[in-house]
Amino acid sequence: MIGGGLGEHSAAAISVSAVAERSQYAASDAVDVCAVLSLTAASEDRQNGITSNDETGRNPITLSAVLDKSGSMSGRKMDLVKKTTEFMTTQLSAQDMLGVIAYDAE
């Protein structure tokens, strides 16, 4: 079995972590792996030891979300996309910008 936690990696200005949907996958199975990826960018000020003054403690971000509405995303997959998008919006501050692109097969 292969462990479901995909680990964490940090570079100078960004931290990336991933958690797979399931904790284990059989090595013999060819399956799609669904995971939640978290990207955390340190503000330039925090890298230099200065704390930001806004409520988030980070620089404003511009985020684009691309949402697949095709038939293959129905049911549980679409529910997960909706929950993830809702959570993402709760993490934004008034200084952030969000763009949403939705597409399907038609």
C-alpha atoms as a PDB file:
ATOM      1  CA  MET A   1       0.000   0.000   0.000  1.00  0.00           C
ATOM      2  CA  ILE A   2       1.094   3.542  -0.710  1.00  0.00           C
ATOM      3  CA  GLY A   3       0.422   6.148   1.994  1.00  0.00           C
ATOM      4  CA  GLY A   4      -2.202   8.808   1.240  1.00  0.00           C
ATOM      5  CA  GLY A   5      -0.378  11.810   2.734  1.00  0.00           C
ATOM      6  CA  LEU A   6       1.559  13.426  -0.090  1.00  0.00           C
ATOM      7  CA  GLY A   7       3.782  15.435   2.191  1.00  0.00           C
ATOM      8  CA  GLU A   8       4.929  18.987   2.456  1.00  0.00           C
ATOM      9  CA  HIS A   9       7.624  20.999   0.700  1.00  0.00           C
ATOM     10  CA  SER A  10       8.857  24.502   1.434  1.00  0.00           C
ATOM     11  CA  ALA A  11      10.855  26.904  -0.699  1.00  0.00           C
ATOM     12  CA  ALA A  12      12.019  30.396   0.218  1.00  0.00           C
ATOM     13  CA  ALA A  13       8.675  32.115  -0.376  1.00  0.00           C
ATOM     14  CA  ILE A  14       6.079  29.344  -0.626  1.00  0.00           C
ATOM     15  CA  SER A  15       4.977  26.295   1.314  1.00  0.00           C
ATOM     16  CA  VAL A  16       3.092  23.489  -0.443  1.00  0.00           C
ATOM     17  CA  SER A  17       1.239  20.681   1.300  1.00  0.00           C
ATOM     18  CA  ALA A  18      -1.060  17.984  -0.046  1.00  0.00           C
ATOM     19  CA  VAL A  19      -3.491  15.562   1.580  1.00  0.00           C
ATOM     20  CA  ALA A  20      -4.992  12.744  -0.467  1.00  0.00           C
ATOM     21  CA  GLU A  21      -8.692  11.913  -0.308  1.00  0.00           C
ATOM     22  CA  ARG A  22      -7.937   8.415   0.999  1.00  0.00           C
ATOM     23  CA  SER A  23      -5.195   7.414   3.416  1.00  0.00           C
ATOM     24  CA  GLN A  24      -4.055   4.422   1.343  1.00  0.00           C
ATOM     25  CA  TYR A  25      -4.085   3.211  -2.243  1.00  0.00           C
ATOM     26  CA  ALA A  26      -3.188  -0.279  -3.472  1.00  0.00           C
ATOM     27  CA  ALA A  27       0.006  -0.151  -5.530  1.00  0.00           C
ATOM     28  CA  SER A  28      -1.568  -2.448  -8.134  1.00  0.00           C
ATOM     29  CA  ASP A  29      -4.573  -0.153  -8.755  1.00  0.00           C
ATOM     30  CA  ALA A  30      -4.563   2.472 -11.498  1.00  0.00           C
ATOM     31  CA  VAL A  31      -6.838   5.120  -9.972  1.00  0.00           C
ATOM     32  CA  ASP A  32      -7.283   8.858 -10.041  1.00  0.00           C
ATOM     33  CA  VAL A  33      -6.076  10.425  -6.819  1.00  0.00           C
ATOM     34  CA  CYS A  34      -8.062  13.343  -5.437  1.00  0.00           C
ATOM     35  CA  ALA A  35      -6.153  15.595  -3.073  1.00  0.00           C
ATOM     36  CA  VAL A  36      -6.379  18.959  -1.388  1.00  0.00           C
ATOM     37  CA  LEU A  37      -3.380  21.145  -2.173  1.00  0.00           C
ATOM     38  CA  SER A  38      -2.481  24.038   0.093  1.00  0.00           C
ATOM     39  CA  LEU A  39      -0.142  26.759  -1.110  1.00  0.00           C
ATOM     40  CA  THR A  40       1.004  29.291   1.446  1.00  0.00           C
ATOM     41  CA  ALA A  41       3.090  32.217   0.265  1.00  0.00           C
ATOM     42  CA  ALA A  42       5.005  34.229   2.824  1.00  0.00           C
ATOM     43  CA  SER A  43       4.643  37.957   2.430  1.00  0.00           C
ATOM     44  CA  GLU A  44       7.798  39.865   1.588  1.00  0.00           C
ATOM     45  CA  ASP A  45       7.538  41.636   4.942  1.00  0.00           C
ATOM     46  CA  ARG A  46       7.328  38.353   6.899  1.00  0.00           C
ATOM     47  CA  GLN A  47      10.387  37.045   5.070  1.00  0.00           C
ATOM     48  CA  ASN A  48      12.218  40.127   6.330  1.00  0.00           C
ATOM     49  CA  GLY A  49      10.886  39.781   9.894  1.00  0.00           C
ATOM     50  CA  ILE A  50       8.221  42.521   9.601  1.00  0.00           C
ATOM     51  CA  THR A  51       4.583  41.702  10.442  1.00  0.00           C
ATOM     52  CA  SER A  52       1.861  42.824   8.034  1.00  0.00           C
ATOM     53  CA  ASN A  53      -0.807  45.223   9.347  1.00  0.00           C
ATOM     54  CA  ASP A  54      -3.896  43.704   7.669  1.00  0.00           C
ATOM     55  CA  GLU A  55      -6.178  41.151   9.351  1.00  0.00           C
ATOM     56  CA  THR A  56      -4.721  38.188   7.428  1.00  0.00           C
ATOM     57  CA  GLY A  57      -1.075  38.896   8.118  1.00  0.00           C
ATOM     58  CA  ARG A  58      -0.245  38.512   4.434  1.00  0.00           C
ATOM     59  CA  ASN A  59      -0.097  40.496   1.232  1.00  0.00           C
ATOM     60  CA  PRO A  60      -3.268  40.695  -0.905  1.00  0.00           C
ATOM     61  CA  ILE A  61      -3.688  37.922  -3.481  1.00  0.00           C
ATOM     62  CA  THR A  62      -5.300  37.614  -6.883  1.00  0.00           C
ATOM     63  CA  LEU A  63      -6.809  34.154  -7.258  1.00  0.00           C
ATOM     64  CA  SER A  64      -8.434  32.526 -10.292  1.00  0.00           C
ATOM     65  CA  ALA A  65     -10.554  29.425  -9.750  1.00  0.00           C
ATOM     66  CA  VAL A  66     -11.338  27.240 -12.769  1.00  0.00           C
ATOM     67  CA  LEU A  67     -14.421  25.094 -12.108  1.00  0.00           C
ATOM     68  CA  ASP A  68     -15.242  22.079 -14.270  1.00  0.00           C
ATOM     69  CA  LYS A  69     -19.048  21.715 -14.550  1.00  0.00           C
ATOM     70  CA  SER A  70     -18.986  18.843 -17.056  1.00  0.00           C
ATOM     71  CA  GLY A  71     -20.940  15.633 -16.532  1.00  0.00           C
ATOM     72  CA  SER A  72     -17.885  13.793 -15.200  1.00  0.00           C
ATOM     73  CA  MET A  73     -17.916  16.140 -12.196  1.00  0.00           C
ATOM     74  CA  SER A  74     -21.427  15.242 -11.038  1.00  0.00           C
ATOM     75  CA  GLY A  75     -22.347  13.936  -7.622  1.00  0.00           C
ATOM     76  CA  ARG A  76     -19.636  13.614  -5.009  1.00  0.00           C
ATOM     77  CA  LYS A  77     -16.967  15.338  -7.110  1.00  0.00           C
ATOM     78  CA  MET A  78     -19.123  18.433  -7.638  1.00  0.00           C
ATOM     79  CA  ASP A  79     -20.050  18.490  -3.946  1.00  0.00           C
ATOM     80  CA  LEU A  80     -16.333  18.544  -3.093  1.00  0.00           C
ATOM     81  CA  VAL A  81     -15.706  21.373  -5.593  1.00  0.00           C
ATOM     82  CA  LYS A  82     -18.542  23.408  -4.025  1.00  0.00           C
ATOM     83  CA  LYS A  83     -17.311  22.850  -0.465  1.00  0.00           C
ATOM     84  CA  THR A  84     -13.733  23.686  -1.434  1.00  0.00           C
ATOM     85  CA  THR A  85     -14.819  26.868  -3.239  1.00  0.00           C
ATOM     86  CA  GLU A  86     -16.939  27.953  -0.275  1.00  0.00           C
ATOM     87  CA  PHE A  87     -14.019  27.361   2.104  1.00  0.00           C
ATOM     88  CA  MET A  88     -11.646  29.234  -0.211  1.00  0.00           C
ATOM     89  CA  THR A  89     -13.886  32.316  -0.170  1.00  0.00           C
ATOM     90  CA  THR A  90     -13.868  32.373   3.646  1.00  0.00           C
ATOM     91  CA  GLN A  91     -10.072  32.743   3.538  1.00  0.00           C
ATOM     92  CA  LEU A  92     -10.105  35.897   1.383  1.00  0.00           C
ATOM     93  CA  SER A  93      -9.749  39.402   2.779  1.00  0.00           C
ATOM     94  CA  ALA A  94     -11.257  42.637   1.475  1.00  0.00           C
ATOM     95  CA  GLN A  95      -7.961  43.389  -0.317  1.00  0.00           C
ATOM     96  CA  ASP A  96      -7.939  40.082  -2.260  1.00  0.00           C
ATOM     97  CA  MET A  97      -9.346  39.568  -5.762  1.00  0.00           C
ATOM     98  CA  LEU A  98     -11.109  36.416  -6.974  1.00  0.00           C
ATOM     99  CA  GLY A  99     -11.943  35.413 -10.531  1.00  0.00           C
ATOM    100  CA  VAL A 100     -14.123  32.390 -11.301  1.00  0.00           C
ATOM    101  CA  ILE A 101     -14.113  30.579 -14.631  1.00  0.00           C
ATOM    102  CA  ALA A 102     -16.700  27.831 -15.055  1.00  0.00           C
ATOM    103  CA  TYR A 103     -16.739  25.496 -18.029  1.00  0.00           C
ATOM    104  CA  ASP A 104     -18.373  22.313 -19.237  1.00  0.00           C
ATOM    105  CA  ALA A 105     -18.409  20.166 -22.373  1.00  0.00           C
ATOM    106  CA  GLU A 106     -21.002  22.331 -24.139  1.00  0.00           C
END
